[in-house]
Amino acid sequence: MNEPAPHLLIVDDDERIRGLLRKFLARHGFLVSGARDAAHARRVLAGLEFDLIVLDVMMPGEDGISLTRDLRQMLATPILLLTAKGETQERIEGLEAGADDYLAKPFEPKELLLRINAILRRMPESEPENTVPKMLQLGPVRYDIERSELLKGEETVRLTATETQLMRIFSENLRKPVTRTKLVEDLGRDKGQAQERAVDVQITRLRRKIEADPKQPRYLQTVRGEGYMLTPD
């Protein structure tokens, strides 16, 4: 039996862009819904679940970064931001707010397709109910490797697709430094200093979820000159 097509939500105030992306992505096997602004997106998200959200930053009213930050309190759905070309600070703010990736306008539709597929590949596969969990203890936080779940007490801490992939990479390399270059490659990003900076932002955000004091990390450590290393209890 074929798996259902991934369902995407395109949030952009430009009706022409929404229409073009809807047609293009539909031709490549996706189900696509649209929203014209943040308020409309919230109404759509209240009734439907999506596999990924493509979100324009510059919109009238509430902008995409603010919406991303708010959605991250409720949803782990991957978010890909469409940003203004050359606005580096805007991209960093988007990643800090909880976005999984960004793409600068104007862009080639094929690049958008590649980035969407890369993000979806990073999403954890569902595990059978009888899977024996394998846990990492990180102080008061536990990470279930089999289920790709971060737990604090009985509560699940929401991880984005990128954070889940980072935890998977570090879990496969426990107590061994992983270079920023390798993280960029394994996350499916283009190489370069800008992408390494984006990885640093993702690491900072992940630390906020697993460290008692993110500024003095005990578990997700920086190894000077080598990269990052996960050292559970």
Protein backbone atom coordinates (compact mmCIF):
# COMPACT_ATOMS: atom_id res chain seq x y z
CA MET A 1 0.00 0.00 0.00
CA ASN A 2 1.41 3.38 -1.01
CA GLU A 3 2.17 5.92 1.69
CA PRO A 4 0.06 9.10 1.58
CA ALA A 5 1.64 12.09 -0.15
CA PRO A 6 3.29 14.61 2.20
CA HIS A 7 0.98 17.55 2.92
CA LEU A 8 2.59 21.01 2.73
CA LEU A 9 1.27 24.38 3.88
CA ILE A 10 2.45 27.42 1.88
CA VAL A 11 2.08 30.69 3.81
CA ASP A 12 2.67 33.75 1.62
CA ASP A 13 0.71 36.96 1.13
CA ASP A 14 1.46 36.91 -2.63
CA GLU A 15 -1.38 34.97 -4.24
CA ARG A 16 0.61 34.49 -7.45
CA ILE A 17 3.52 32.85 -5.61
CA ARG A 18 1.15 30.60 -3.65
CA GLY A 19 -0.46 29.49 -6.88
CA LEU A 20 2.82 28.83 -8.66
CA LEU A 21 4.25 26.85 -5.75
CA ARG A 22 1.04 24.89 -5.35
CA LYS A 23 1.13 23.78 -9.01
CA PHE A 24 4.87 23.04 -9.00
CA LEU A 25 4.85 21.01 -5.79
CA ALA A 26 1.66 19.18 -6.73
CA ARG A 27 3.41 18.03 -9.94
CA HIS A 28 6.10 16.51 -7.73
CA GLY A 29 3.72 14.45 -5.65
CA PHE A 30 2.79 16.71 -2.74
CA LEU A 31 -0.57 17.70 -1.35
CA VAL A 32 -0.49 21.50 -0.98
CA SER A 33 -2.65 23.93 0.99
CA GLY A 34 -2.20 27.69 1.17
CA ALA A 35 -2.62 30.53 3.65
CA ARG A 36 -2.40 34.26 2.92
CA ASP A 37 -1.07 35.46 6.30
CA ALA A 38 -0.29 34.39 9.87
CA ALA A 39 -3.88 34.58 11.09
CA HIS A 40 -5.10 32.49 8.14
CA ALA A 41 -2.29 29.97 8.75
CA ARG A 42 -3.36 29.54 12.37
CA ARG A 43 -6.94 28.79 11.33
CA VAL A 44 -5.75 26.20 8.79
CA LEU A 45 -3.36 24.59 11.31
CA ALA A 46 -6.14 24.36 13.88
CA GLY A 47 -7.97 21.91 11.65
CA LEU A 48 -5.27 20.09 9.67
CA GLU A 49 -1.91 18.44 10.27
CA PHE A 50 0.96 19.07 7.86
CA ASP A 51 4.29 17.42 7.14
CA LEU A 52 6.04 20.74 6.48
CA ILE A 53 5.31 24.49 6.44
CA VAL A 54 6.85 26.83 3.85
CA LEU A 55 6.60 30.27 5.42
CA ASP A 56 7.41 33.70 4.00
CA VAL A 57 9.09 36.03 6.50
CA MET A 58 7.89 39.35 5.08
CA MET A 59 4.11 39.45 5.40
CA PRO A 60 1.70 42.22 6.39
CA GLY A 61 0.69 42.04 10.04
CA GLU A 62 2.53 39.34 11.95
CA ASP A 63 5.77 38.33 10.22
CA GLY A 64 7.02 34.82 9.60
CA ILE A 65 9.63 34.82 12.35
CA SER A 66 7.08 35.76 15.00
CA LEU A 67 4.71 33.08 13.70
CA THR A 68 7.53 30.50 13.73
CA ARG A 69 8.36 31.31 17.34
CA ASP A 70 4.72 30.95 18.35
CA LEU A 71 4.14 27.72 16.42
CA ARG A 72 7.20 26.14 18.04
CA GLN A 73 5.38 26.29 21.39
CA MET A 74 2.74 23.92 19.99
CA LEU A 75 4.09 22.09 16.95
CA ALA A 76 7.20 20.17 15.91
CA THR A 77 6.21 20.41 12.23
CA PRO A 78 9.27 21.35 10.12
CA ILE A 79 9.33 24.98 8.97
CA LEU A 80 11.20 26.30 5.94
CA LEU A 81 11.45 30.10 5.85
CA LEU A 82 11.53 32.17 2.67
CA THR A 83 13.75 35.16 3.44
CA ALA A 84 14.90 38.34 1.70
CA LYS A 85 18.11 37.88 -0.26
CA GLY A 86 21.19 38.91 1.71
CA GLU A 87 19.39 39.38 5.03
CA THR A 88 21.74 37.21 7.10
CA GLN A 89 20.46 38.47 10.46
CA GLU A 90 16.90 37.65 9.41
CA ARG A 91 17.93 34.08 8.68
CA ILE A 92 19.72 33.68 12.00
CA GLU A 93 16.66 35.06 13.83
CA GLY A 94 14.51 32.56 11.95
CA LEU A 95 16.68 29.63 12.99
CA GLU A 96 16.72 30.84 16.59
CA ALA A 97 12.92 31.09 16.48
CA GLY A 98 12.71 27.41 15.51
CA ALA A 99 12.89 27.18 11.71
CA ASP A 100 14.59 24.11 10.25
CA ASP A 101 16.01 25.81 7.17
CA TYR A 102 15.71 28.91 5.03
CA LEU A 103 15.80 29.83 1.36
CA ALA A 104 16.52 33.31 0.02
CA LYS A 105 14.21 34.94 -2.49
CA PRO A 106 14.29 34.88 -5.44
CA PHE A 107 14.87 31.14 -5.69
CA GLU A 108 14.65 28.35 -8.21
CA PRO A 109 11.64 26.09 -7.56
CA LYS A 110 13.92 23.07 -7.96
CA GLU A 111 16.06 24.25 -5.03
CA LEU A 112 12.93 24.63 -2.90
CA LEU A 113 11.98 21.07 -3.84
CA LEU A 114 15.44 19.76 -2.88
CA ARG A 115 15.34 21.52 0.48
CA ILE A 116 11.83 20.26 1.26
CA ASN A 117 12.86 16.69 0.47
CA ALA A 118 16.03 17.06 2.58
CA ILE A 119 14.01 18.24 5.59
CA LEU A 120 11.44 15.47 5.22
CA ARG A 121 14.22 12.87 5.09
CA ARG A 122 15.43 14.14 8.47
CA MET A 123 12.09 13.45 10.13
CA PRO A 124 12.19 10.36 12.39
CA GLU A 125 10.41 7.27 11.17
CA SER A 126 7.68 5.95 13.42
CA GLU A 127 8.74 2.98 15.52
CA PRO A 128 6.67 -0.11 16.38
CA GLU A 129 4.94 0.07 19.76
CA ASN A 130 6.87 -2.92 21.11
CA THR A 131 10.29 -1.44 20.37
CA VAL A 132 12.57 -1.69 23.40
CA PRO A 133 13.70 1.90 24.08
CA LYS A 134 17.37 2.79 24.29
CA MET A 135 17.81 5.80 26.52
CA LEU A 136 20.51 8.41 27.00
CA GLN A 137 20.43 10.11 30.39
CA LEU A 138 21.24 13.82 30.26
CA GLY A 139 20.65 14.92 33.84
CA PRO A 140 16.90 15.46 34.28
CA VAL A 141 16.38 14.92 30.55
CA ARG A 142 16.27 11.55 28.76
CA TYR A 143 16.66 10.87 25.05
CA ASP A 144 14.95 7.79 23.59
CA ILE A 145 17.15 6.86 20.63
CA GLU A 146 14.71 4.34 19.17
CA ARG A 147 11.78 6.77 19.16
CA SER A 148 13.79 9.97 18.62
CA GLU A 149 12.06 11.51 21.64
CA LEU A 150 13.41 13.90 24.25
CA LEU A 151 11.71 13.51 27.62
CA LYS A 152 11.76 15.65 30.76
CA GLY A 153 9.98 13.76 33.48
CA GLU A 154 6.83 12.44 31.84
CA GLU A 155 6.63 15.29 29.35
CA THR A 156 7.90 15.15 25.77
CA VAL A 157 10.12 18.05 24.76
CA ARG A 158 9.35 19.02 21.17
CA LEU A 159 12.25 18.69 18.74
CA THR A 160 12.33 20.10 15.23
CA ALA A 161 13.40 17.89 12.32
CA THR A 162 16.89 19.42 12.40
CA GLU A 163 17.21 18.97 16.17
CA THR A 164 16.11 15.35 15.82
CA GLN A 165 18.75 14.75 13.16
CA LEU A 166 21.41 16.40 15.32
CA MET A 167 20.52 14.12 18.24
CA ARG A 168 20.69 11.12 15.92
CA ILE A 169 24.15 12.14 14.68
CA PHE A 170 25.46 12.72 18.19
CA SER A 171 23.88 9.47 19.46
CA GLU A 172 25.83 7.59 16.79
CA ASN A 173 29.04 9.33 17.89
CA LEU A 174 28.77 9.37 21.68
CA ARG A 175 31.71 10.98 23.48
CA LYS A 176 33.43 11.62 20.13
CA PRO A 177 33.75 15.09 18.60
CA VAL A 178 31.73 15.72 15.44
CA THR A 179 33.10 18.50 13.25
CA ARG A 180 30.94 21.38 12.09
CA THR A 181 31.80 20.39 8.49
CA LYS A 182 30.41 16.88 9.05
CA LEU A 183 27.27 18.29 10.66
CA VAL A 184 26.71 20.55 7.66
CA GLU A 185 27.12 17.58 5.31
CA ASP A 186 24.94 15.19 7.33
CA LEU A 187 22.18 17.78 7.62
CA GLY A 188 22.10 18.01 3.83
CA ARG A 189 23.13 21.66 3.70
CA ASP A 190 25.42 23.41 1.25
CA LYS A 191 28.96 23.87 2.51
CA GLY A 192 30.34 27.21 3.62
CA GLN A 193 30.85 29.47 6.61
CA ALA A 194 27.25 30.68 6.53
CA GLN A 195 25.97 27.12 6.89
CA GLU A 196 28.42 26.39 9.71
CA ARG A 197 27.05 29.48 11.47
CA ALA A 198 23.53 28.11 10.93
CA VAL A 199 24.62 24.83 12.57
CA ASP A 200 25.97 26.80 15.53
CA VAL A 201 22.54 28.41 15.93
CA GLN A 202 20.85 24.99 15.86
CA ILE A 203 23.29 23.71 18.50
CA THR A 204 22.52 26.71 20.73
CA ARG A 205 18.79 26.05 20.40
CA LEU A 206 19.21 22.33 21.15
CA ARG A 207 21.26 23.12 24.25
CA ARG A 208 18.35 25.14 25.63
CA LYS A 209 16.33 21.93 25.63
CA ILE A 210 18.87 19.56 27.19
CA GLU A 211 21.12 21.71 29.40
CA ALA A 212 20.41 23.17 32.84
CA ASP A 213 22.69 26.07 31.88
CA PRO A 214 23.00 26.36 28.08
CA LYS A 215 25.85 28.88 28.45
CA GLN A 216 27.90 26.31 30.38
CA PRO A 217 26.92 23.04 28.66
CA ARG A 218 27.54 19.81 30.51
CA TYR A 219 26.24 17.32 27.94
CA LEU A 220 26.48 18.92 24.48
CA GLN A 221 30.02 20.21 24.72
CA THR A 222 32.14 22.34 22.41
CA VAL A 223 35.52 20.71 21.71
CA ARG A 224 37.84 23.52 20.72
CA GLY A 225 39.21 23.06 17.23
CA GLU A 226 37.26 19.84 16.68
CA GLY A 227 33.51 20.49 16.86
CA TYR A 228 30.76 19.32 19.21
CA MET A 229 30.40 16.21 21.37
CA LEU A 230 27.52 14.60 23.27
CA THR A 231 28.50 13.13 26.65
CA PRO A 232 25.55 11.57 28.51
CA ASP A 233 25.66 10.43 32.15
